[in-house]
Amino acid sequence: MAIIKSLLDQDLYKITMQRVYFHRFSNATARFEFRCRNKGVVFTKEMFAEIEAEIKALDNLKFEKDEIEFIGDLYYMKEAKGYLEFLRLFRLNADYIRADLSEEGRLSIVAEGPIWLASMYEIFTLAIVSEVYFKHIKLGDISVGRERLQSKIEAIKKLKEPFKFSDFGSRRRYSFAWMDEVIAALTKSFDGRVFTGTSNLYFAKKYNLIPMGTLAHEYLCLGQALDVVTIANSQRFMLQTWADEYRGDLGIALSDNLGSDYFLQHDFDKYFSLLFSGVRHDSGDPIEWGYKMIKHYEKHRVDPRSKTFVFSDALDFTRAAAINREFHDKASVAFGIGTNLTNDLGCEPLNIVFKMVSANGRPVAKVSDSPSKQMCEDEGYLTYLKGVIERGLRH
């Protein structure tokens, strides 16, 4: 049986971004590439054959009527009739994705084509690779996972400060079945004031949870490859386009695509600070970042307690609790916790990504607040982009 059984087994931000691509960038093209950041990981020929077959099997899926109705019932999707009709017709196509395996066991996967199609392969591909890998190496113990999950649940219940978190674990999950068990346990253990939802649309529908998510780095990267705006102003342009599309809904801005300093000094002015509901942390020191955001809001005479700070960078619950203690009375704090929820079974999870490396035939890059998270095929372009950022910070 296929690993991906529904096109709804997907993170919300792929749908929210695809809607913008469909409405405003339908002619844009993009290239996404797979990377495994773990050292020493080898994919066997047997793994590769199964991964390739699973990716090809995605062609058989389409959005079912009840799934489109679920998306259409989201308050910010009710007026998007044309996009919902597009989803009714949408299918993946294996002509736009290819996988290869080197003699050394290095896995390569590339999706390239219209951005509204190529982007949709990310979550499916990562979930497939992770599940196939752990199935074959036979590491990870479900009983260990259950014990650790129960310990996390008990620890959360003992916290003194209000604590809000959601599941962000689709991409690197141990398996579909284990993720299902995790979501079921969290739903049973907490109400919506603590466990606020999941990024995964399938499980949100199954367990009557709120789908969580807005935009990803790829969306901001696309702006670097558009003719209508300079690279220096690309991030501001993409934020405005998002606001034009969603009219104030889904207003959590990702802060680190060109580094948080550039984001705050050059792009996120008082207008955006007021317009967007909050910001998301995804790299760099979270405590330093939090105080930087507070200072920024206060500079623009915006009460940071009226804004949401979403922390989502490689979190476990111990780290999240410490961040929460620091900021719970200074802002509305929320956490997106991924791999530590869906792949904590006594073995090292795969640190895998499937990132956009070019758009419209031009290189793009995420600079990030953590150098290890930078991803760009073209070192010359990365050097140029860093120069743009440095000039922007000087003025």
Protein backbone atom coordinates (compact mmCIF):
# COMPACT_ATOMS: atom_id res chain seq x y z
CA MET A 1 0.00 0.00 0.00
CA ALA A 2 1.27 3.45 -0.91
CA ILE A 3 2.80 5.63 1.81
CA ILE A 4 0.98 8.74 0.59
CA LYS A 5 -2.69 7.82 0.33
CA SER A 6 -4.17 11.29 -0.07
CA LEU A 7 -3.11 14.64 -1.52
CA LEU A 8 -4.40 16.07 1.75
CA ASP A 9 -1.46 14.36 3.54
CA GLN A 10 0.31 17.66 3.03
CA ASP A 11 1.25 20.72 5.06
CA LEU A 12 -1.12 23.67 4.90
CA TYR A 13 1.51 26.13 3.72
CA LYS A 14 1.90 24.23 0.45
CA ILE A 15 -1.78 24.92 -0.25
CA THR A 16 -1.76 28.55 0.91
CA MET A 17 1.34 29.27 -1.20
CA GLN A 18 -0.02 27.35 -4.19
CA ARG A 19 -3.10 29.54 -4.18
CA VAL A 20 -0.90 32.65 -4.53
CA TYR A 21 1.15 30.95 -7.26
CA PHE A 22 -2.04 30.04 -9.11
CA HIS A 23 -3.54 33.52 -8.88
CA ARG A 24 -0.45 35.70 -9.28
CA PHE A 25 2.56 33.70 -10.53
CA SER A 26 1.03 31.01 -12.75
CA ASN A 27 3.80 31.34 -15.36
CA ALA A 28 6.64 31.02 -12.83
CA THR A 29 8.85 27.93 -12.90
CA ALA A 30 10.99 26.50 -10.13
CA ARG A 31 13.53 23.81 -9.37
CA PHE A 32 13.53 21.96 -6.04
CA GLU A 33 16.33 19.67 -4.88
CA PHE A 34 16.56 17.06 -2.15
CA ARG A 35 19.37 17.16 0.42
CA CYS A 36 20.22 14.81 3.26
CA ARG A 37 22.32 16.66 5.84
CA ASN A 38 23.18 13.62 7.99
CA LYS A 39 26.72 12.40 7.63
CA GLY A 40 27.24 8.77 6.69
CA VAL A 41 23.68 8.03 5.54
CA VAL A 42 23.63 5.57 2.65
CA PHE A 43 20.59 4.71 0.58
CA THR A 44 20.55 1.19 -0.84
CA LYS A 45 19.31 0.13 -4.25
CA GLU A 46 16.31 -1.49 -2.57
CA MET A 47 15.45 1.77 -0.79
CA PHE A 48 15.85 3.72 -4.01
CA ALA A 49 13.57 1.40 -5.96
CA GLU A 50 10.84 1.78 -3.35
CA ILE A 51 11.26 5.56 -3.11
CA GLU A 52 11.05 5.88 -6.89
CA ALA A 53 7.92 3.70 -7.04
CA GLU A 54 6.26 5.69 -4.24
CA ILE A 55 6.95 8.98 -6.01
CA LYS A 56 5.52 7.66 -9.28
CA ALA A 57 2.43 6.41 -7.41
CA LEU A 58 1.61 10.02 -6.49
CA ASP A 59 0.31 10.40 -10.05
CA ASN A 60 -2.66 8.24 -9.07
CA LEU A 61 -3.95 10.68 -6.46
CA LYS A 62 -6.41 13.52 -6.78
CA PHE A 63 -8.24 15.69 -4.29
CA GLU A 64 -11.50 14.01 -3.36
CA LYS A 65 -14.73 15.98 -3.08
CA ASP A 66 -14.80 15.95 0.72
CA GLU A 67 -11.14 17.03 0.84
CA ILE A 68 -11.80 20.05 -1.37
CA GLU A 69 -14.82 20.88 0.77
CA PHE A 70 -12.58 20.73 3.86
CA ILE A 71 -10.14 23.21 2.30
CA GLY A 72 -12.97 25.38 1.04
CA ASP A 73 -14.49 25.58 4.52
CA LEU A 74 -11.35 27.24 5.91
CA TYR A 75 -12.44 30.84 6.51
CA TYR A 76 -9.68 32.32 4.34
CA MET A 77 -10.48 29.96 1.42
CA LYS A 78 -14.23 30.50 1.14
CA GLU A 79 -13.95 33.14 -1.59
CA ALA A 80 -11.25 31.34 -3.61
CA LYS A 81 -13.72 29.57 -5.91
CA GLY A 82 -11.40 29.48 -8.92
CA TYR A 83 -8.56 27.99 -6.91
CA LEU A 84 -10.83 25.34 -5.39
CA GLU A 85 -11.92 24.38 -8.90
CA PHE A 86 -8.24 24.16 -9.84
CA LEU A 87 -7.70 21.73 -6.95
CA ARG A 88 -10.54 19.57 -8.28
CA LEU A 89 -8.55 19.19 -11.52
CA PHE A 90 -5.06 19.12 -10.00
CA ARG A 91 -2.85 16.05 -10.46
CA LEU A 92 0.85 15.46 -9.91
CA ASN A 93 2.90 14.31 -12.89
CA ALA A 94 6.04 12.18 -12.67
CA ASP A 95 7.39 13.87 -15.82
CA TYR A 96 8.35 16.78 -13.55
CA ILE A 97 10.36 14.84 -10.96
CA ARG A 98 13.33 12.52 -11.23
CA ALA A 99 15.37 10.53 -8.73
CA ASP A 100 18.88 9.06 -9.00
CA LEU A 101 21.20 7.05 -6.79
CA SER A 102 24.98 7.34 -6.96
CA GLU A 103 27.28 4.35 -6.60
CA GLU A 104 28.16 5.66 -3.11
CA GLY A 105 24.48 5.55 -2.07
CA ARG A 106 23.81 9.27 -2.28
CA LEU A 107 20.19 10.00 -3.14
CA SER A 108 19.33 12.79 -5.57
CA ILE A 109 15.78 13.99 -6.25
CA VAL A 110 14.86 17.00 -8.40
CA ALA A 111 11.42 18.43 -9.13
CA GLU A 112 11.31 21.08 -11.85
CA GLY A 113 8.45 22.75 -13.66
CA PRO A 114 5.59 25.18 -12.98
CA ILE A 115 6.00 26.37 -9.42
CA TRP A 116 2.41 25.47 -8.54
CA LEU A 117 3.26 21.85 -9.42
CA ALA A 118 6.92 21.44 -8.43
CA SER A 119 6.35 22.95 -4.99
CA MET A 120 3.75 20.32 -4.14
CA TYR A 121 6.31 17.50 -4.21
CA GLU A 122 8.22 18.69 -1.11
CA ILE A 123 6.27 17.20 1.79
CA PHE A 124 5.30 14.02 -0.07
CA THR A 125 8.90 13.33 -1.12
CA LEU A 126 10.38 13.91 2.33
CA ALA A 127 7.75 11.77 4.06
CA ILE A 128 8.34 8.97 1.55
CA VAL A 129 12.13 9.05 1.91
CA SER A 130 11.99 9.05 5.71
CA GLU A 131 9.49 6.21 5.99
CA VAL A 132 11.25 4.01 3.42
CA TYR A 133 14.64 4.61 5.04
CA PHE A 134 13.53 3.60 8.54
CA LYS A 135 11.56 0.66 7.21
CA HIS A 136 14.72 -0.76 5.63
CA ILE A 137 17.30 -0.02 8.33
CA LYS A 138 14.90 -1.36 10.99
CA LEU A 139 15.85 1.21 13.61
CA GLY A 140 13.40 2.92 15.90
CA ASP A 141 11.20 1.31 18.52
CA ILE A 142 7.51 2.20 18.75
CA SER A 143 7.45 1.31 22.45
CA VAL A 144 10.27 3.82 23.05
CA GLY A 145 8.33 6.39 21.06
CA ARG A 146 5.21 5.83 23.16
CA GLU A 147 7.15 6.20 26.41
CA ARG A 148 8.79 9.40 25.25
CA LEU A 149 5.52 10.83 23.96
CA GLN A 150 3.82 10.13 27.29
CA SER A 151 6.69 11.81 29.15
CA LYS A 152 6.29 14.90 26.96
CA ILE A 153 2.55 15.00 27.59
CA GLU A 154 3.07 14.77 31.35
CA ALA A 155 5.78 17.44 31.27
CA ILE A 156 3.52 19.84 29.38
CA LYS A 157 0.73 19.34 31.90
CA LYS A 158 3.09 20.32 34.72
CA LEU A 159 4.13 23.64 33.16
CA LYS A 160 3.14 26.69 35.23
CA GLU A 161 2.90 29.14 32.33
CA PRO A 162 0.29 28.87 29.55
CA PHE A 163 1.80 26.83 26.72
CA LYS A 164 0.57 26.50 23.12
CA PHE A 165 2.01 24.18 20.50
CA SER A 166 1.06 22.55 17.24
CA ASP A 167 2.43 19.65 15.23
CA PHE A 168 4.81 20.51 12.37
CA GLY A 169 6.08 16.96 11.85
CA SER A 170 4.94 15.79 8.40
CA ARG A 171 8.26 16.15 6.61
CA ARG A 172 10.53 13.95 8.72
CA ARG A 173 8.08 11.61 10.37
CA TYR A 174 9.01 8.05 11.19
CA SER A 175 5.91 6.78 9.40
CA PHE A 176 2.35 7.76 8.55
CA ALA A 177 1.02 5.28 11.12
CA TRP A 178 3.20 6.65 13.91
CA MET A 179 2.23 10.24 13.12
CA ASP A 180 -1.42 9.18 13.27
CA GLU A 181 -0.85 7.69 16.73
CA VAL A 182 0.96 10.82 17.94
CA ILE A 183 -1.81 13.17 16.77
CA ALA A 184 -4.47 10.93 18.31
CA ALA A 185 -2.65 10.93 21.68
CA LEU A 186 -2.17 14.70 21.69
CA THR A 187 -5.80 15.32 20.74
CA LYS A 188 -6.95 13.07 23.57
CA SER A 189 -4.58 14.65 26.11
CA PHE A 190 -5.13 18.37 25.48
CA ASP A 191 -7.82 20.80 24.45
CA GLY A 192 -7.35 23.37 21.71
CA ARG A 193 -5.91 25.93 24.09
CA VAL A 194 -2.74 23.83 24.50
CA PHE A 195 -2.51 21.56 21.45
CA THR A 196 -3.67 24.12 18.92
CA GLY A 197 -3.54 22.05 15.72
CA THR A 198 -1.36 20.47 13.07
CA SER A 199 0.25 21.62 9.85
CA ASN A 200 -0.95 18.40 8.20
CA LEU A 201 -4.28 18.82 6.42
CA TYR A 202 -5.15 15.11 6.45
CA PHE A 203 -4.83 14.79 10.21
CA ALA A 204 -6.49 18.16 10.77
CA LYS A 205 -9.52 16.82 8.90
CA LYS A 206 -9.44 13.42 10.61
CA TYR A 207 -9.19 14.80 14.15
CA ASN A 208 -11.15 18.04 13.69
CA LEU A 209 -8.10 20.20 14.37
CA ILE A 210 -7.12 23.63 13.08
CA PRO A 211 -4.66 23.42 10.14
CA MET A 212 -1.61 25.52 10.98
CA GLY A 213 0.72 27.40 8.64
CA THR A 214 1.15 30.39 6.37
CA LEU A 215 4.20 30.68 4.08
CA ALA A 216 7.66 29.14 3.72
CA HIS A 217 11.08 30.36 2.58
CA GLU A 218 10.41 29.27 -1.00
CA TYR A 219 7.70 31.92 -1.32
CA LEU A 220 10.08 34.72 -0.35
CA CYS A 221 12.84 33.23 -2.52
CA LEU A 222 10.58 33.41 -5.57
CA GLY A 223 10.67 37.19 -5.34
CA GLN A 224 14.41 37.11 -6.10
CA ALA A 225 13.65 35.72 -9.58
CA LEU A 226 10.90 38.13 -10.67
CA ASP A 227 11.37 40.84 -13.29
CA VAL A 228 8.91 43.20 -11.62
CA VAL A 229 11.04 43.94 -8.55
CA THR A 230 14.70 44.32 -7.58
CA ILE A 231 16.30 41.65 -5.41
CA ALA A 232 16.79 44.26 -2.68
CA ASN A 233 13.04 44.89 -2.51
CA SER A 234 11.90 41.35 -3.35
CA GLN A 235 10.99 40.36 0.19
CA ARG A 236 8.87 43.46 0.74
CA PHE A 237 7.14 42.82 -2.59
CA MET A 238 6.30 39.24 -1.64
CA LEU A 239 4.97 40.27 1.76
CA GLN A 240 2.72 42.85 0.08
CA THR A 241 1.54 40.27 -2.46
CA TRP A 242 0.64 37.92 0.39
CA ALA A 243 -1.31 40.68 2.11
CA ASP A 244 -3.09 41.51 -1.16
CA GLU A 245 -4.11 37.86 -1.54
CA TYR A 246 -5.24 37.12 2.01
CA ARG A 247 -6.34 40.60 3.12
CA GLY A 248 -4.98 40.30 6.65
CA ASP A 249 -5.56 36.59 7.19
CA LEU A 250 -2.66 34.15 7.60
CA GLY A 251 -0.51 37.01 8.83
CA ILE A 252 2.57 35.33 10.29
CA ALA A 253 5.70 36.63 8.51
CA LEU A 254 8.82 34.49 8.18
CA SER A 255 11.70 36.66 9.36
CA ASP A 256 14.98 35.00 8.40
CA ASN A 257 15.03 34.39 4.64
CA LEU A 258 17.52 37.23 4.11
CA GLY A 259 18.47 37.35 7.77
CA SER A 260 16.36 38.87 10.51
CA ASP A 261 18.39 42.12 10.61
CA TYR A 262 17.64 42.84 6.95
CA PHE A 263 14.02 41.80 7.43
CA LEU A 264 13.52 44.27 10.28
CA GLN A 265 15.61 47.16 9.03
CA HIS A 266 14.72 47.05 5.34
CA ASP A 267 11.37 45.26 4.93
CA PHE A 268 9.23 44.94 8.03
CA ASP A 269 8.38 48.60 8.59
CA LYS A 270 5.56 49.97 10.73
CA TYR A 271 3.00 49.22 8.02
CA PHE A 272 3.84 45.52 7.93
CA SER A 273 4.39 45.42 11.69
CA LEU A 274 0.81 46.56 12.17
CA LEU A 275 -0.66 44.56 9.28
CA PHE A 276 0.84 41.15 10.04
CA SER A 277 -0.36 39.26 13.10
CA GLY A 278 3.14 38.20 14.06
CA VAL A 279 6.44 36.65 13.05
CA ARG A 280 8.00 33.18 12.91
CA HIS A 281 11.46 32.18 14.13
CA ASP A 282 13.24 29.48 12.13
CA SER A 283 16.98 30.02 12.65
CA GLY A 284 19.48 31.62 14.98
CA ASP A 285 19.26 32.03 18.74
CA PRO A 286 15.55 32.14 19.71
CA ILE A 287 16.02 34.25 22.84
CA GLU A 288 18.11 36.85 21.00
CA TRP A 289 15.57 36.83 18.17
CA GLY A 290 12.64 37.31 20.54
CA TYR A 291 14.11 40.37 22.20
CA LYS A 292 15.08 41.75 18.80
CA MET A 293 11.42 41.47 17.73
CA ILE A 294 10.18 43.12 20.92
CA LYS A 295 12.58 46.03 20.43
CA HIS A 296 11.45 46.37 16.82
CA TYR A 297 7.75 46.48 17.71
CA GLU A 298 8.35 48.95 20.52
CA LYS A 299 10.34 51.20 18.17
CA HIS A 300 7.26 51.40 15.95
CA ARG A 301 4.98 51.95 18.98
CA VAL A 302 3.34 48.55 18.53
CA ASP A 303 2.61 46.53 21.67
CA PRO A 304 4.45 43.19 21.22
CA ARG A 305 1.89 41.55 23.50
CA SER A 306 -0.62 42.07 20.68
CA LYS A 307 1.54 40.03 18.29
CA THR A 308 2.22 36.31 17.94
CA PHE A 309 5.78 34.95 18.06
CA VAL A 310 5.89 31.47 16.50
CA PHE A 311 9.02 29.42 17.28
CA SER A 312 9.64 26.46 14.97
CA ASP A 313 13.37 25.81 14.69
CA ALA A 314 14.32 22.21 15.57
CA LEU A 315 12.47 22.35 18.87
CA ASP A 316 12.02 19.82 21.61
CA PHE A 317 9.72 20.44 24.54
CA THR A 318 12.49 21.28 27.01
CA ARG A 319 13.78 24.03 24.74
CA ALA A 320 10.27 25.24 23.94
CA ALA A 321 9.38 25.45 27.64
CA ALA A 322 12.48 27.57 28.31
CA ILE A 323 11.59 29.95 25.47
CA ASN A 324 8.02 30.10 26.74
CA ARG A 325 9.16 31.04 30.25
CA GLU A 326 11.16 33.90 28.76
CA PHE A 327 8.45 35.40 26.56
CA HIS A 328 5.01 34.20 27.72
CA ASP A 329 4.26 37.57 29.34
CA LYS A 330 5.91 39.66 26.61
CA ALA A 331 4.09 38.39 23.49
CA SER A 332 1.56 35.79 22.40
CA VAL A 333 3.89 32.79 22.11
CA ALA A 334 3.24 29.62 20.09
CA PHE A 335 5.41 26.68 19.08
CA GLY A 336 5.54 24.47 16.00
CA ILE A 337 7.22 21.20 16.97
CA GLY A 338 8.07 18.72 14.26
CA THR A 339 10.61 15.91 14.26
CA ASN A 340 10.73 15.69 18.06
CA LEU A 341 7.06 14.71 17.96
CA THR A 342 6.89 12.46 14.92
CA ASN A 343 10.33 10.83 14.86
CA ASP A 344 11.62 10.39 18.41
CA LEU A 345 11.87 6.62 18.73
CA GLY A 346 15.44 6.08 19.88
CA CYS A 347 17.25 6.55 16.58
CA GLU A 348 18.64 9.60 14.81
CA PRO A 349 16.04 11.12 12.46
CA LEU A 350 16.98 12.07 8.93
CA ASN A 351 17.80 15.75 8.55
CA ILE A 352 16.37 16.07 5.06
CA VAL A 353 15.13 19.04 3.04
CA PHE A 354 13.63 19.58 -0.41
CA LYS A 355 14.31 23.22 -1.17
CA MET A 356 13.86 25.58 -4.09
CA VAL A 357 17.25 26.39 -5.61
CA SER A 358 16.16 28.34 -8.69
CA ALA A 359 13.09 30.01 -10.15
CA ASN A 360 12.42 31.24 -13.68
CA GLY A 361 15.85 29.87 -14.59
CA ARG A 362 17.64 32.08 -12.04
CA PRO A 363 19.36 31.06 -8.80
CA VAL A 364 17.66 31.91 -5.51
CA ALA A 365 18.93 31.56 -1.98
CA LYS A 366 17.91 31.49 1.66
CA VAL A 367 20.55 33.26 3.73
CA SER A 368 19.10 32.49 7.18
CA ASP A 369 20.33 33.44 10.65
CA SER A 370 22.12 30.06 10.85
CA PRO A 371 24.90 29.53 8.26
CA SER A 372 24.26 25.76 8.22
CA LYS A 373 20.76 26.41 6.84
CA GLN A 374 21.96 28.34 3.80
CA MET A 375 21.12 26.61 0.53
CA CYS A 376 22.18 27.82 -2.89
CA GLU A 377 23.63 26.08 -5.94
CA ASP A 378 25.38 29.20 -7.22
CA GLU A 379 28.11 30.51 -4.93
CA GLY A 380 28.51 33.59 -7.12
CA TYR A 381 24.86 34.47 -6.66
CA LEU A 382 25.06 33.84 -2.92
CA THR A 383 28.02 36.23 -2.68
CA TYR A 384 26.09 38.83 -4.69
CA LEU A 385 22.99 38.42 -2.51
CA LYS A 386 25.01 38.88 0.67
CA GLY A 387 26.38 42.08 -0.85
CA VAL A 388 22.83 43.30 -1.47
CA ILE A 389 22.00 42.58 2.16
CA GLU A 390 25.11 44.36 3.46
CA ARG A 391 24.35 47.45 1.37
CA GLY A 392 20.75 47.42 2.61
CA LEU A 393 21.90 47.28 6.22
CA ARG A 394 24.24 50.26 5.73
CA HIS A 395 21.45 52.52 4.46
